[in-house]
N, C-alpha and C. Protein backbone atom coordinates (compact mmCIF):
# COMPACT_ATOMS: atom_id res chain seq x y z
N MET A 1 -71.03 17.86 43.51
CA MET A 1 -70.46 17.13 44.65
C MET A 1 -69.17 16.46 44.19
N PRO A 2 -68.11 16.58 44.98
CA PRO A 2 -66.82 16.00 44.56
C PRO A 2 -66.92 14.48 44.44
N LEU A 3 -66.13 13.97 43.52
CA LEU A 3 -66.10 12.52 43.32
C LEU A 3 -65.27 11.88 44.40
N THR A 4 -65.66 10.67 44.77
CA THR A 4 -64.87 9.92 45.77
C THR A 4 -64.06 8.89 45.01
N PRO A 5 -62.99 8.38 45.60
CA PRO A 5 -62.16 7.36 44.92
C PRO A 5 -62.96 6.14 44.51
N GLU A 6 -64.04 5.85 45.25
CA GLU A 6 -64.82 4.66 44.92
C GLU A 6 -65.73 4.89 43.72
N GLU A 7 -65.96 6.17 43.34
CA GLU A 7 -66.88 6.45 42.26
C GLU A 7 -66.18 7.27 41.16
N PRO A 8 -65.25 6.65 40.47
CA PRO A 8 -64.57 7.41 39.40
C PRO A 8 -65.54 7.72 38.26
N GLN A 9 -65.36 8.87 37.66
CA GLN A 9 -66.20 9.26 36.53
C GLN A 9 -65.57 8.71 35.27
N ILE A 10 -66.34 7.93 34.49
CA ILE A 10 -65.82 7.31 33.27
C ILE A 10 -66.72 7.72 32.12
N HIS A 11 -66.11 8.26 31.05
CA HIS A 11 -66.86 8.64 29.86
C HIS A 11 -66.86 7.48 28.90
N GLU A 12 -68.00 7.24 28.28
CA GLU A 12 -68.10 6.12 27.35
C GLU A 12 -67.22 6.32 26.11
N SER A 13 -66.98 7.58 25.74
CA SER A 13 -66.18 7.83 24.54
C SER A 13 -64.69 7.71 24.80
N ALA A 14 -64.30 7.58 26.06
CA ALA A 14 -62.87 7.51 26.36
C ALA A 14 -62.29 6.21 25.87
N GLN A 15 -61.07 6.29 25.35
CA GLN A 15 -60.37 5.10 24.90
C GLN A 15 -59.09 4.99 25.70
N GLY A 16 -58.98 3.92 26.46
CA GLY A 16 -57.78 3.73 27.27
C GLY A 16 -57.90 4.50 28.56
N PRO A 17 -56.90 4.44 29.41
CA PRO A 17 -56.94 5.10 30.73
C PRO A 17 -56.96 6.60 30.58
N ARG A 18 -57.66 7.26 31.44
CA ARG A 18 -57.75 8.73 31.40
C ARG A 18 -57.72 9.23 32.83
N THR A 19 -57.05 10.33 33.01
CA THR A 19 -56.97 10.93 34.34
C THR A 19 -58.28 11.66 34.62
N THR A 20 -58.76 11.56 35.84
CA THR A 20 -60.01 12.22 36.21
C THR A 20 -59.81 13.72 36.17
N PRO A 21 -60.65 14.46 35.45
CA PRO A 21 -60.48 15.92 35.38
C PRO A 21 -60.82 16.57 36.70
N ALA A 22 -60.24 17.73 36.91
CA ALA A 22 -60.53 18.47 38.14
C ALA A 22 -61.95 19.00 38.07
N THR A 23 -62.53 19.26 39.25
CA THR A 23 -63.91 19.75 39.31
C THR A 23 -64.03 21.06 38.56
N GLY A 24 -65.09 21.16 37.72
CA GLY A 24 -65.34 22.40 37.00
C GLY A 24 -64.57 22.52 35.70
N ARG A 25 -63.75 21.55 35.33
CA ARG A 25 -62.98 21.62 34.09
C ARG A 25 -63.30 20.40 33.25
N THR A 26 -63.35 20.59 31.95
CA THR A 26 -63.59 19.47 31.06
C THR A 26 -62.25 18.96 30.56
N ALA A 27 -62.15 17.66 30.36
CA ALA A 27 -60.91 17.06 29.90
C ALA A 27 -60.77 17.29 28.41
N SER A 28 -59.60 17.74 28.01
CA SER A 28 -59.36 17.95 26.58
C SER A 28 -58.95 16.65 25.93
N THR A 29 -59.20 16.58 24.62
CA THR A 29 -58.82 15.38 23.88
C THR A 29 -57.31 15.26 23.86
N PRO A 30 -56.78 14.09 24.24
CA PRO A 30 -55.31 13.96 24.27
C PRO A 30 -54.73 14.07 22.88
N ARG A 31 -53.59 14.76 22.77
CA ARG A 31 -52.89 14.91 21.49
C ARG A 31 -51.61 14.11 21.52
N PRO A 32 -51.20 13.59 20.36
CA PRO A 32 -49.95 12.82 20.34
C PRO A 32 -48.77 13.71 20.70
N VAL A 33 -47.92 13.20 21.51
CA VAL A 33 -46.72 13.93 21.93
C VAL A 33 -45.52 13.30 21.24
N PRO A 34 -44.78 14.10 20.45
CA PRO A 34 -43.63 13.50 19.78
C PRO A 34 -42.57 13.08 20.77
N GLY A 35 -41.92 12.00 20.48
CA GLY A 35 -40.85 11.53 21.34
C GLY A 35 -39.58 12.29 21.07
N PRO A 36 -38.51 11.94 21.73
CA PRO A 36 -37.24 12.64 21.51
C PRO A 36 -36.78 12.46 20.07
N ARG A 37 -36.22 13.50 19.50
CA ARG A 37 -35.78 13.48 18.11
C ARG A 37 -34.27 13.26 18.07
N SER A 38 -33.86 12.32 17.27
CA SER A 38 -32.43 12.03 17.19
C SER A 38 -31.76 13.01 16.24
N ALA A 39 -30.43 13.02 16.26
CA ALA A 39 -29.68 13.91 15.37
C ALA A 39 -29.93 13.57 13.92
N ALA A 40 -30.31 12.32 13.65
CA ALA A 40 -30.51 11.90 12.27
C ALA A 40 -31.83 12.39 11.70
N THR A 41 -32.74 12.86 12.58
CA THR A 41 -34.04 13.33 12.10
C THR A 41 -34.28 14.75 12.57
N PRO A 42 -33.63 15.73 11.96
CA PRO A 42 -33.83 17.12 12.37
C PRO A 42 -35.23 17.60 12.02
N ARG A 43 -35.63 18.67 12.66
CA ARG A 43 -36.93 19.24 12.40
C ARG A 43 -37.01 19.68 10.94
N PRO A 44 -38.13 19.43 10.25
CA PRO A 44 -38.23 19.81 8.85
C PRO A 44 -37.95 21.29 8.65
N GLY A 45 -37.15 21.59 7.63
CA GLY A 45 -36.84 22.97 7.32
C GLY A 45 -35.75 23.58 8.16
N ARG A 46 -35.21 22.81 9.06
CA ARG A 46 -34.15 23.34 9.92
C ARG A 46 -32.94 22.42 9.83
N PRO A 47 -31.74 22.99 9.92
CA PRO A 47 -30.56 22.12 9.93
C PRO A 47 -30.48 21.37 11.23
N GLY A 48 -29.83 20.25 11.22
CA GLY A 48 -29.65 19.44 12.41
C GLY A 48 -28.63 20.08 13.33
N PRO A 49 -28.34 19.43 14.46
CA PRO A 49 -27.36 19.98 15.39
C PRO A 49 -25.99 20.01 14.77
N GLY A 50 -25.15 20.85 15.35
CA GLY A 50 -23.79 20.95 14.83
C GLY A 50 -23.59 22.32 14.21
N PRO A 51 -22.49 22.50 13.48
CA PRO A 51 -22.20 23.81 12.90
C PRO A 51 -23.24 24.20 11.86
N ALA A 52 -23.34 25.51 11.62
CA ALA A 52 -24.30 26.00 10.63
C ALA A 52 -24.00 25.41 9.27
N ARG A 53 -25.07 25.09 8.55
CA ARG A 53 -24.91 24.48 7.24
C ARG A 53 -24.39 25.53 6.26
N PRO A 54 -23.29 25.29 5.57
CA PRO A 54 -22.78 26.27 4.62
C PRO A 54 -23.63 26.32 3.36
N ALA A 55 -23.43 27.35 2.57
CA ALA A 55 -24.13 27.44 1.29
C ALA A 55 -23.70 26.30 0.40
N PRO A 56 -24.53 25.91 -0.55
CA PRO A 56 -24.16 24.82 -1.44
C PRO A 56 -22.86 25.11 -2.15
N PRO A 57 -22.00 24.13 -2.32
CA PRO A 57 -20.73 24.38 -2.99
C PRO A 57 -20.95 24.78 -4.44
N ALA A 58 -19.99 25.50 -4.96
CA ALA A 58 -20.08 25.93 -6.36
C ALA A 58 -20.09 24.72 -7.27
N PRO A 59 -20.90 24.78 -8.31
CA PRO A 59 -20.96 23.65 -9.25
C PRO A 59 -19.61 23.39 -9.88
N ARG A 60 -19.34 22.14 -10.16
CA ARG A 60 -18.10 21.74 -10.80
C ARG A 60 -18.32 21.61 -12.31
N PRO A 61 -17.25 21.69 -13.09
CA PRO A 61 -17.43 21.57 -14.53
C PRO A 61 -17.87 20.19 -14.94
N GLN A 62 -18.59 20.11 -16.05
CA GLN A 62 -19.02 18.82 -16.56
C GLN A 62 -17.85 18.13 -17.25
N PRO A 63 -17.88 16.82 -17.33
CA PRO A 63 -16.82 16.12 -18.06
C PRO A 63 -16.76 16.60 -19.50
N ALA A 64 -15.55 16.56 -20.08
CA ALA A 64 -15.36 17.08 -21.43
C ALA A 64 -16.27 16.39 -22.44
N SER A 65 -16.54 15.11 -22.27
CA SER A 65 -17.34 14.37 -23.23
C SER A 65 -18.81 14.80 -23.21
N ASP A 66 -19.25 15.40 -22.07
CA ASP A 66 -20.65 15.79 -21.94
C ASP A 66 -20.89 17.25 -22.30
N HIS A 67 -19.85 18.05 -22.43
CA HIS A 67 -20.01 19.47 -22.63
C HIS A 67 -19.92 19.79 -24.11
N PRO A 68 -20.94 20.46 -24.66
CA PRO A 68 -20.96 20.71 -26.10
C PRO A 68 -19.84 21.61 -26.59
N ARG A 69 -19.26 22.47 -25.68
CA ARG A 69 -18.25 23.40 -26.14
C ARG A 69 -16.85 22.95 -25.76
N ALA A 70 -16.70 21.74 -25.28
CA ALA A 70 -15.39 21.27 -24.84
C ALA A 70 -14.46 21.06 -26.02
N GLU A 71 -13.21 21.46 -25.81
CA GLU A 71 -12.20 21.25 -26.84
C GLU A 71 -11.05 20.47 -26.21
N ASN A 72 -9.91 21.13 -25.98
CA ASN A 72 -8.79 20.41 -25.37
C ASN A 72 -9.03 20.19 -23.88
N ARG A 73 -9.75 21.10 -23.24
CA ARG A 73 -10.07 20.93 -21.83
C ARG A 73 -11.54 21.26 -21.65
N SER A 74 -12.07 20.90 -20.50
CA SER A 74 -13.47 21.18 -20.24
C SER A 74 -13.67 22.69 -20.19
N ALA A 75 -14.69 23.15 -20.86
CA ALA A 75 -15.04 24.57 -20.77
C ALA A 75 -15.64 24.80 -19.38
N PRO A 76 -15.48 26.02 -18.84
CA PRO A 76 -16.04 26.27 -17.51
C PRO A 76 -17.55 26.25 -17.53
N GLN A 77 -18.12 25.88 -16.41
CA GLN A 77 -19.57 26.01 -16.28
C GLN A 77 -19.87 27.49 -16.12
N ILE A 78 -20.95 27.95 -16.72
CA ILE A 78 -21.29 29.37 -16.68
C ILE A 78 -22.60 29.56 -15.93
N GLN A 79 -22.58 30.48 -14.98
CA GLN A 79 -23.79 30.84 -14.24
C GLN A 79 -24.07 32.31 -14.48
N LEU A 80 -25.32 32.63 -14.74
CA LEU A 80 -25.72 34.01 -14.96
C LEU A 80 -26.57 34.49 -13.80
N ILE A 81 -26.18 35.61 -13.22
CA ILE A 81 -26.96 36.24 -12.15
C ILE A 81 -27.50 37.54 -12.71
N PRO A 82 -28.80 37.61 -13.00
CA PRO A 82 -29.36 38.84 -13.57
C PRO A 82 -29.14 40.03 -12.66
N ALA A 83 -28.63 41.11 -13.23
CA ALA A 83 -28.38 42.33 -12.46
C ALA A 83 -28.28 43.50 -13.41
N SER A 84 -28.69 44.66 -12.93
CA SER A 84 -28.54 45.88 -13.72
C SER A 84 -27.08 46.31 -13.66
N ALA A 85 -26.71 47.25 -14.52
CA ALA A 85 -25.33 47.74 -14.49
C ALA A 85 -25.02 48.36 -13.14
N ALA A 86 -26.02 49.04 -12.54
CA ALA A 86 -25.81 49.68 -11.24
C ALA A 86 -25.69 48.65 -10.12
N GLY A 87 -26.33 47.50 -10.28
CA GLY A 87 -26.32 46.50 -9.21
C GLY A 87 -25.35 45.36 -9.44
N ALA A 88 -24.60 45.39 -10.54
CA ALA A 88 -23.73 44.27 -10.88
C ALA A 88 -22.61 44.06 -9.86
N LEU A 89 -22.03 45.15 -9.35
CA LEU A 89 -20.95 45.01 -8.37
C LEU A 89 -21.45 44.37 -7.08
N ASP A 90 -22.64 44.79 -6.63
CA ASP A 90 -23.20 44.20 -5.41
C ASP A 90 -23.48 42.72 -5.62
N ALA A 91 -24.02 42.38 -6.80
CA ALA A 91 -24.30 40.97 -7.09
C ALA A 91 -23.02 40.16 -7.13
N ALA A 92 -21.96 40.74 -7.67
CA ALA A 92 -20.67 40.04 -7.72
C ALA A 92 -20.11 39.84 -6.32
N ASP A 93 -20.26 40.85 -5.46
CA ASP A 93 -19.78 40.71 -4.08
C ASP A 93 -20.55 39.62 -3.33
N GLU A 94 -21.85 39.55 -3.58
CA GLU A 94 -22.66 38.52 -2.93
C GLU A 94 -22.25 37.13 -3.42
N ALA A 95 -22.01 37.01 -4.72
CA ALA A 95 -21.56 35.72 -5.27
C ALA A 95 -20.22 35.32 -4.67
N LEU A 96 -19.34 36.29 -4.52
CA LEU A 96 -18.03 36.02 -3.91
C LEU A 96 -18.19 35.55 -2.47
N ASP A 97 -19.03 36.22 -1.71
CA ASP A 97 -19.25 35.82 -0.32
C ASP A 97 -19.77 34.39 -0.23
N LEU A 98 -20.71 34.03 -1.11
CA LEU A 98 -21.25 32.67 -1.10
C LEU A 98 -20.17 31.64 -1.42
N LEU A 99 -19.32 31.96 -2.36
CA LEU A 99 -18.24 31.04 -2.72
C LEU A 99 -17.30 30.83 -1.55
N LEU A 100 -16.90 31.91 -0.91
CA LEU A 100 -15.97 31.81 0.22
C LEU A 100 -16.61 31.09 1.39
N ASP A 101 -17.90 31.37 1.64
CA ASP A 101 -18.61 30.70 2.73
C ASP A 101 -18.75 29.20 2.47
N SER A 102 -18.80 28.81 1.20
CA SER A 102 -18.97 27.40 0.88
C SER A 102 -17.64 26.64 0.88
N GLY A 103 -16.55 27.34 1.15
CA GLY A 103 -15.27 26.66 1.25
C GLY A 103 -14.30 26.93 0.13
N ARG A 104 -14.67 27.73 -0.84
CA ARG A 104 -13.76 28.06 -1.93
C ARG A 104 -12.64 28.94 -1.39
N ALA A 105 -11.40 28.62 -1.71
CA ALA A 105 -10.26 29.39 -1.22
C ALA A 105 -10.20 30.75 -1.92
N PRO A 106 -9.85 31.80 -1.19
CA PRO A 106 -9.80 33.14 -1.80
C PRO A 106 -8.87 33.22 -3.00
N ASP A 107 -7.77 32.48 -2.96
CA ASP A 107 -6.82 32.58 -4.06
C ASP A 107 -7.28 31.87 -5.33
N GLU A 108 -8.46 31.26 -5.29
CA GLU A 108 -9.01 30.59 -6.46
C GLU A 108 -9.97 31.48 -7.25
N VAL A 109 -10.18 32.70 -6.76
CA VAL A 109 -11.22 33.55 -7.35
C VAL A 109 -10.63 34.84 -7.93
N LEU A 110 -11.09 35.15 -9.13
CA LEU A 110 -10.74 36.39 -9.82
C LEU A 110 -12.04 37.14 -10.09
N VAL A 111 -12.07 38.43 -9.79
CA VAL A 111 -13.25 39.25 -10.03
C VAL A 111 -12.90 40.32 -11.06
N LEU A 112 -13.67 40.37 -12.14
CA LEU A 112 -13.45 41.34 -13.21
C LEU A 112 -14.63 42.28 -13.34
N THR A 113 -14.37 43.50 -13.77
CA THR A 113 -15.43 44.46 -14.03
C THR A 113 -15.31 44.95 -15.47
N THR A 114 -16.46 45.27 -16.07
CA THR A 114 -16.44 45.77 -17.45
C THR A 114 -16.47 47.30 -17.49
N GLY A 115 -16.90 47.91 -16.40
CA GLY A 115 -16.97 49.38 -16.33
C GLY A 115 -15.97 49.90 -15.31
N GLU A 116 -16.48 50.62 -14.33
CA GLU A 116 -15.61 51.15 -13.28
C GLU A 116 -14.95 50.01 -12.51
N HIS A 117 -13.77 50.32 -11.96
CA HIS A 117 -13.07 49.34 -11.14
C HIS A 117 -13.89 48.97 -9.91
N HIS A 118 -13.66 47.78 -9.41
CA HIS A 118 -14.20 47.40 -8.10
C HIS A 118 -13.52 48.31 -7.07
N PRO A 119 -14.23 48.70 -6.01
CA PRO A 119 -13.62 49.58 -5.00
C PRO A 119 -12.30 49.05 -4.45
N TRP A 120 -12.17 47.72 -4.32
CA TRP A 120 -10.91 47.18 -3.81
C TRP A 120 -9.78 47.49 -4.78
N ALA A 121 -10.01 47.28 -6.08
CA ALA A 121 -8.98 47.55 -7.07
C ALA A 121 -8.60 49.03 -7.06
N THR A 122 -9.58 49.90 -6.95
CA THR A 122 -9.31 51.33 -6.90
C THR A 122 -8.44 51.66 -5.70
N HIS A 123 -8.76 51.06 -4.56
CA HIS A 123 -7.97 51.30 -3.34
C HIS A 123 -6.53 50.84 -3.51
N GLU A 124 -6.36 49.62 -4.02
CA GLU A 124 -5.01 49.08 -4.17
C GLU A 124 -4.19 49.86 -5.20
N LEU A 125 -4.84 50.26 -6.28
CA LEU A 125 -4.13 51.02 -7.31
C LEU A 125 -3.72 52.40 -6.82
N SER A 126 -4.38 52.90 -5.78
CA SER A 126 -4.01 54.21 -5.24
C SER A 126 -2.62 54.19 -4.61
N PHE A 127 -2.11 52.99 -4.31
CA PHE A 127 -0.76 52.86 -3.76
C PHE A 127 0.28 52.59 -4.84
N GLY A 128 -0.17 52.55 -6.07
CA GLY A 128 0.74 52.33 -7.18
C GLY A 128 0.54 50.97 -7.82
N GLU A 129 0.85 50.90 -9.11
CA GLU A 129 0.63 49.66 -9.85
C GLU A 129 1.58 48.56 -9.43
N ALA A 130 2.77 48.91 -8.96
CA ALA A 130 3.75 47.88 -8.59
C ALA A 130 3.21 46.99 -7.47
N GLY A 131 2.66 47.62 -6.45
CA GLY A 131 2.10 46.85 -5.34
C GLY A 131 0.86 46.08 -5.74
N TYR A 132 0.06 46.69 -6.60
CA TYR A 132 -1.16 46.05 -7.08
C TYR A 132 -0.84 44.76 -7.82
N TRP A 133 0.12 44.81 -8.74
CA TRP A 133 0.46 43.62 -9.51
C TRP A 133 1.29 42.63 -8.70
N ALA A 134 1.99 43.12 -7.68
CA ALA A 134 2.70 42.19 -6.78
C ALA A 134 1.69 41.32 -6.05
N HIS A 135 0.57 41.92 -5.70
CA HIS A 135 -0.50 41.17 -5.05
C HIS A 135 -1.02 40.09 -5.99
N HIS A 136 -1.16 40.44 -7.27
CA HIS A 136 -1.61 39.46 -8.26
C HIS A 136 -0.60 38.33 -8.41
N GLU A 137 0.67 38.67 -8.47
CA GLU A 137 1.71 37.65 -8.63
C GLU A 137 1.77 36.73 -7.41
N ALA A 138 1.53 37.27 -6.23
CA ALA A 138 1.55 36.44 -5.01
C ALA A 138 0.46 35.39 -5.08
N GLY A 139 -0.68 35.75 -5.66
CA GLY A 139 -1.76 34.78 -5.85
C GLY A 139 -2.27 34.14 -4.59
N ASP A 140 -2.30 34.90 -3.49
CA ASP A 140 -2.74 34.31 -2.22
C ASP A 140 -4.07 34.86 -1.72
N ASP A 141 -4.79 35.58 -2.57
CA ASP A 141 -6.07 36.15 -2.16
C ASP A 141 -6.92 36.42 -3.40
N VAL A 142 -8.17 36.80 -3.18
CA VAL A 142 -9.04 37.20 -4.28
C VAL A 142 -8.37 38.37 -4.99
N PHE A 143 -8.43 38.39 -6.32
CA PHE A 143 -7.85 39.51 -7.06
C PHE A 143 -8.94 40.17 -7.89
N PHE A 144 -8.92 41.50 -7.91
CA PHE A 144 -9.92 42.30 -8.62
C PHE A 144 -9.22 43.06 -9.74
N ALA A 145 -9.76 42.96 -10.95
CA ALA A 145 -9.16 43.65 -12.09
C ALA A 145 -10.23 44.28 -12.95
N GLY A 146 -9.84 45.29 -13.71
CA GLY A 146 -10.76 45.98 -14.60
C GLY A 146 -10.58 45.55 -16.04
N ALA A 147 -11.41 46.11 -16.90
CA ALA A 147 -11.41 45.74 -18.31
C ALA A 147 -10.07 46.02 -18.98
N ALA A 148 -9.42 47.12 -18.59
CA ALA A 148 -8.18 47.52 -19.26
C ALA A 148 -7.03 46.55 -18.99
N THR A 149 -7.11 45.81 -17.90
CA THR A 149 -6.00 44.93 -17.52
C THR A 149 -6.36 43.45 -17.60
N VAL A 150 -7.52 43.13 -18.20
CA VAL A 150 -7.98 41.74 -18.20
C VAL A 150 -7.01 40.83 -18.94
N GLY A 151 -6.29 41.36 -19.92
CA GLY A 151 -5.36 40.53 -20.66
C GLY A 151 -4.13 40.14 -19.86
N ARG A 152 -3.92 40.77 -18.74
CA ARG A 152 -2.72 40.53 -17.94
C ARG A 152 -2.94 39.54 -16.80
N VAL A 153 -4.19 39.28 -16.46
CA VAL A 153 -4.47 38.43 -15.30
C VAL A 153 -4.33 36.95 -15.66
N ARG A 154 -4.02 36.15 -14.66
CA ARG A 154 -3.82 34.72 -14.85
C ARG A 154 -5.11 33.94 -14.67
N THR A 155 -5.10 32.70 -15.14
CA THR A 155 -6.24 31.80 -14.99
C THR A 155 -6.43 31.44 -13.52
N ARG A 156 -7.70 31.38 -13.13
CA ARG A 156 -8.06 30.91 -11.79
C ARG A 156 -9.26 29.98 -11.92
N PRO A 157 -9.48 29.11 -10.94
CA PRO A 157 -10.61 28.18 -11.04
C PRO A 157 -11.96 28.87 -11.21
N VAL A 158 -12.15 30.01 -10.55
CA VAL A 158 -13.43 30.71 -10.61
C VAL A 158 -13.19 32.15 -11.02
N VAL A 159 -13.97 32.61 -11.99
CA VAL A 159 -13.94 34.01 -12.40
C VAL A 159 -15.35 34.58 -12.27
N ILE A 160 -15.46 35.72 -11.61
CA ILE A 160 -16.72 36.43 -11.48
C ILE A 160 -16.61 37.72 -12.29
N VAL A 161 -17.60 37.98 -13.13
CA VAL A 161 -17.60 39.21 -13.94
C VAL A 161 -18.80 40.05 -13.54
N ALA A 162 -18.52 41.31 -13.20
CA ALA A 162 -19.59 42.28 -12.95
C ALA A 162 -19.74 43.12 -14.20
N VAL A 163 -20.86 42.96 -14.91
CA VAL A 163 -21.11 43.74 -16.13
C VAL A 163 -21.71 45.07 -15.68
N ASN A 164 -20.83 45.98 -15.29
CA ASN A 164 -21.26 47.25 -14.70
C ASN A 164 -21.05 48.42 -15.65
N GLY A 165 -21.30 48.19 -16.92
CA GLY A 165 -21.18 49.27 -17.90
C GLY A 165 -19.95 49.11 -18.77
N GLY A 166 -19.59 50.20 -19.43
CA GLY A 166 -18.43 50.17 -20.30
C GLY A 166 -18.77 49.62 -21.67
N ASP A 167 -17.83 49.80 -22.60
CA ASP A 167 -18.05 49.33 -23.96
C ASP A 167 -17.15 48.15 -24.31
N THR A 168 -16.62 47.48 -23.28
CA THR A 168 -15.72 46.35 -23.52
C THR A 168 -16.31 45.04 -22.99
N VAL A 169 -17.64 44.99 -22.88
CA VAL A 169 -18.28 43.81 -22.30
C VAL A 169 -17.90 42.54 -23.05
N ALA A 170 -17.95 42.58 -24.36
CA ALA A 170 -17.64 41.39 -25.16
C ALA A 170 -16.20 40.93 -24.92
N ASP A 171 -15.26 41.88 -24.90
CA ASP A 171 -13.86 41.52 -24.69
C ASP A 171 -13.63 40.92 -23.31
N VAL A 172 -14.24 41.52 -22.30
CA VAL A 172 -14.05 41.04 -20.94
C VAL A 172 -14.67 39.65 -20.76
N LEU A 173 -15.89 39.46 -21.28
CA LEU A 173 -16.54 38.16 -21.13
C LEU A 173 -15.77 37.06 -21.86
N THR A 174 -15.26 37.38 -23.03
CA THR A 174 -14.48 36.39 -23.78
C THR A 174 -13.21 36.02 -23.03
N ALA A 175 -12.51 37.03 -22.52
CA ALA A 175 -11.30 36.78 -21.75
C ALA A 175 -11.60 36.04 -20.46
N ALA A 176 -12.72 36.38 -19.83
CA ALA A 176 -13.10 35.73 -18.57
C ALA A 176 -13.35 34.24 -18.79
N ARG A 177 -14.03 33.91 -19.88
CA ARG A 177 -14.30 32.51 -20.17
C ARG A 177 -13.00 31.73 -20.39
N GLU A 178 -12.02 32.38 -21.00
CA GLU A 178 -10.74 31.72 -21.24
C GLU A 178 -9.94 31.54 -19.95
N ARG A 179 -10.16 32.41 -18.96
CA ARG A 179 -9.38 32.36 -17.73
C ARG A 179 -10.07 31.60 -16.60
N ALA A 180 -11.31 31.21 -16.79
CA ALA A 180 -12.04 30.46 -15.76
C ALA A 180 -11.75 28.97 -15.92
N GLY A 181 -11.10 28.39 -14.92
CA GLY A 181 -10.78 26.98 -15.02
C GLY A 181 -11.96 26.06 -14.81
N ALA A 182 -12.88 26.44 -13.90
CA ALA A 182 -14.01 25.56 -13.58
C ALA A 182 -15.34 26.26 -13.66
N LEU A 183 -15.41 27.52 -13.23
CA LEU A 183 -16.69 28.20 -13.10
C LEU A 183 -16.57 29.66 -13.49
N LEU A 184 -17.49 30.12 -14.33
CA LEU A 184 -17.58 31.54 -14.69
C LEU A 184 -18.95 32.04 -14.23
N ILE A 185 -18.95 33.04 -13.37
CA ILE A 185 -20.19 33.64 -12.88
C ILE A 185 -20.28 35.04 -13.46
N VAL A 186 -21.36 35.32 -14.15
CA VAL A 186 -21.55 36.62 -14.79
C VAL A 186 -22.74 37.32 -14.16
N CYS A 187 -22.50 38.52 -13.64
CA CYS A 187 -23.56 39.32 -13.02
C CYS A 187 -23.87 40.48 -13.96
N GLY A 188 -25.01 40.42 -14.62
CA GLY A 188 -25.34 41.48 -15.56
C GLY A 188 -26.65 41.24 -16.26
N ASP A 189 -26.91 42.08 -17.26
CA ASP A 189 -28.14 41.99 -18.02
C ASP A 189 -28.13 40.73 -18.88
N PRO A 190 -29.11 39.84 -18.71
CA PRO A 190 -29.10 38.57 -19.44
C PRO A 190 -29.01 38.72 -20.96
N GLU A 191 -29.74 39.69 -21.52
CA GLU A 191 -29.70 39.85 -22.97
C GLU A 191 -28.31 40.24 -23.45
N ARG A 192 -27.68 41.12 -22.71
CA ARG A 192 -26.34 41.58 -23.10
C ARG A 192 -25.33 40.45 -22.96
N VAL A 193 -25.46 39.68 -21.90
CA VAL A 193 -24.53 38.57 -21.68
C VAL A 193 -24.74 37.48 -22.73
N ASN A 194 -25.98 37.12 -22.99
CA ASN A 194 -26.27 36.07 -23.97
C ASN A 194 -25.82 36.46 -25.37
N ALA A 195 -25.84 37.76 -25.65
CA ALA A 195 -25.40 38.22 -26.97
C ALA A 195 -23.93 37.88 -27.20
N VAL A 196 -23.16 37.79 -26.10
CA VAL A 196 -21.73 37.48 -26.22
C VAL A 196 -21.48 35.98 -26.05
N LEU A 197 -22.03 35.42 -24.98
CA LEU A 197 -21.74 34.02 -24.65
C LEU A 197 -22.70 33.04 -25.33
N GLY A 198 -23.82 33.53 -25.80
CA GLY A 198 -24.76 32.70 -26.54
C GLY A 198 -25.25 31.51 -25.76
N ALA A 199 -25.25 30.34 -26.40
CA ALA A 199 -25.82 29.12 -25.81
C ALA A 199 -25.02 28.63 -24.64
N ALA A 200 -23.85 29.21 -24.39
CA ALA A 200 -23.05 28.73 -23.26
C ALA A 200 -23.69 29.04 -21.94
N VAL A 201 -24.58 30.04 -21.90
CA VAL A 201 -25.21 30.43 -20.62
C VAL A 201 -26.40 29.53 -20.36
């Protein structure tokens, strides 16, 4: 029989006011309802409102007094990205993308290879060395160089090395460390890299 307004149904277990359930349905236990969320408290695991959160910025070099290998200037911070010789170029490209996405200017990055040239370098060299090195002298974009020309490239804040084969790994890594002003990223086999850079990695 339907309830009348004069005879409300009240459960002894109810705490606080409760709406009378419809006939034939049982009332569910009330659940807490979150209030409006401000911009200062984003949902856990998600970025807050606004532009997409960029990748973390590249680490900066440690002060000279704190770095064990510091001499006249701070030695670059070294990051190792484990990769096979076949996958080193892809790993280097991914590292480059992350740097650029995090706000690093293209003209601050030099990419070196120990084996075959990066496809970009191969493409540019197909138009002749004069144009290729003019691009390097302009210094307004990422520059890609191979092992044979590593001695000719200038210092840049960030150097990425793809250890993609070749027998000049030690020479390229040594030159790369000298040309990296702040950060040296090495994509290659950890054992091979550590054999050259040792405790610096």
